[in-house]
Protein backbone atom coordinates (compact mmCIF):
# COMPACT_ATOMS: atom_id res chain seq x y z
CA MET A 1 -5.77 -34.93 10.78
CA PRO A 2 -7.97 -36.89 8.86
CA LYS A 3 -7.05 -36.84 5.00
CA THR A 4 -10.05 -34.83 3.87
CA ALA A 5 -9.25 -31.95 6.13
CA LYS A 6 -5.97 -31.66 4.75
CA VAL A 7 -7.04 -31.32 1.35
CA VAL A 8 -9.25 -29.09 2.35
CA TYR A 9 -6.38 -26.96 4.03
CA LYS A 10 -4.46 -26.79 1.06
CA PRO A 11 -6.03 -24.46 -0.83
CA ILE A 12 -6.82 -22.09 1.98
CA GLY A 13 -3.23 -22.40 3.05
CA LEU A 14 -2.44 -21.52 -0.51
CA VAL A 15 -4.72 -18.20 -0.32
CA VAL A 16 -3.52 -17.05 2.81
CA GLY A 17 0.46 -17.52 1.76
CA MET A 18 -0.74 -15.42 -1.53
CA ALA A 19 -2.20 -12.91 0.69
CA GLY A 20 0.92 -12.94 3.13
CA GLY A 21 3.24 -12.30 0.30
CA ALA A 22 1.16 -9.63 -0.71
CA VAL A 23 1.42 -7.73 2.43
CA ALA A 24 5.29 -8.40 3.10
CA GLY A 25 5.80 -6.77 -0.37
CA LEU A 26 3.80 -3.86 0.63
CA ILE A 27 5.37 -3.55 4.06
CA PHE A 28 9.03 -4.09 2.37
CA ARG A 29 8.24 -0.80 0.18
CA LYS A 30 7.08 1.27 2.87
CA VAL A 31 10.56 0.17 5.30
CA TRP A 32 12.52 0.93 2.06
CA ASP A 33 10.91 4.18 1.56
CA ARG A 34 12.35 5.12 4.81
CA VAL A 35 15.90 3.11 4.62
CA GLY A 36 16.94 3.79 1.37
CA PRO A 37 16.46 6.70 -1.36
CA GLY A 38 13.94 5.74 -3.91
CA ASP A 39 13.10 2.42 -5.54
CA ALA A 40 15.14 -0.67 -3.53
CA PRO A 41 18.00 -1.64 -5.89
CA GLU A 42 17.39 -5.04 -8.22
CA PRO A 43 20.94 -7.05 -8.34
CA LEU A 44 21.51 -6.41 -12.30
CA GLU A 45 20.91 -2.55 -12.00
CA ALA A 46 24.38 -1.49 -12.29
CA ASP A 47 23.98 1.64 -10.54
CA HIS A 48 23.97 0.47 -7.32
CA THR A 49 26.47 -1.10 -5.18
CA TRP A 50 27.31 -4.48 -3.37
CA GLY A 51 26.07 -3.43 -0.35
CA GLU A 52 23.04 -1.66 -1.78
CA VAL A 53 22.07 -4.72 -3.33
CA LEU A 54 22.70 -6.91 -0.51
CA ALA A 55 21.16 -4.69 2.08
CA ALA A 56 17.65 -4.45 0.05
CA ALA A 57 17.45 -8.32 -0.01
CA ALA A 58 18.59 -9.05 3.54
CA ILE A 59 15.57 -6.51 4.39
CA GLU A 60 13.53 -7.81 1.97
CA GLY A 61 14.20 -11.54 3.20
CA LEU A 62 13.59 -10.61 6.79
CA ILE A 63 10.46 -8.98 6.22
CA PHE A 64 9.10 -11.72 3.78
CA SER A 65 10.16 -14.65 6.18
CA VAL A 66 8.50 -13.13 9.49
CA VAL A 67 5.19 -12.57 7.51
CA ARG A 68 5.34 -15.95 6.26
CA ALA A 69 5.65 -17.33 9.47
CA ALA A 70 3.19 -15.18 11.28
CA VAL A 71 0.51 -15.45 8.55
CA GLN A 72 1.17 -19.61 8.22
CA ARG A 73 0.70 -19.65 12.02
CA GLY A 74 -2.47 -17.36 12.08
CA GLY A 75 -3.70 -19.49 9.53
CA ALA A 76 -3.15 -22.47 11.69
CA VAL A 77 -4.71 -21.46 14.51
CA GLY A 78 -7.87 -20.22 12.73
CA TRP A 79 -8.32 -23.35 11.22
CA ARG A 80 -7.86 -25.19 14.50
CA ARG A 81 -10.73 -22.94 15.96
CA VAL A 82 -13.20 -23.81 12.96
CA THR A 83 -12.11 -27.77 12.62
CA GLY A 84 -10.38 -28.52 15.93
CA THR A 85 -7.72 -29.78 14.27
CA TRP A 86 -4.13 -28.69 13.67
CA PRO A 87 -3.05 -28.43 10.02
CA GLY A 88 0.19 -29.30 10.35
CA ASP A 89 -0.34 -32.79 11.78
C-alpha cells in the first residue's frame, strides 16, 4: 500500500476503533443487564466475589475482542472498496 494511503488510513482506523469501543461498551451493558444483578462488578469493589468479578471481566473481554475484530475487519473491507488497497499490507 502506498505510504500516503497508510497515513490517511491511520486516523480513520482510530476513529472507527473508538466507535467500536463505544458500541462494545453498550453491548456489554445490555448483556450484563440480562446476566447479572445490577451494574457489573469492578475489581476493587469489596462486596463482590472473585467469581463475579472474573465472570464480568471475561464477558466484557470477549465482547470487546469480538467487536474490535469485526470493526477493524469491516473498516479494512470498506477501505479496500474505496481505495482498492488493503490497509494491513
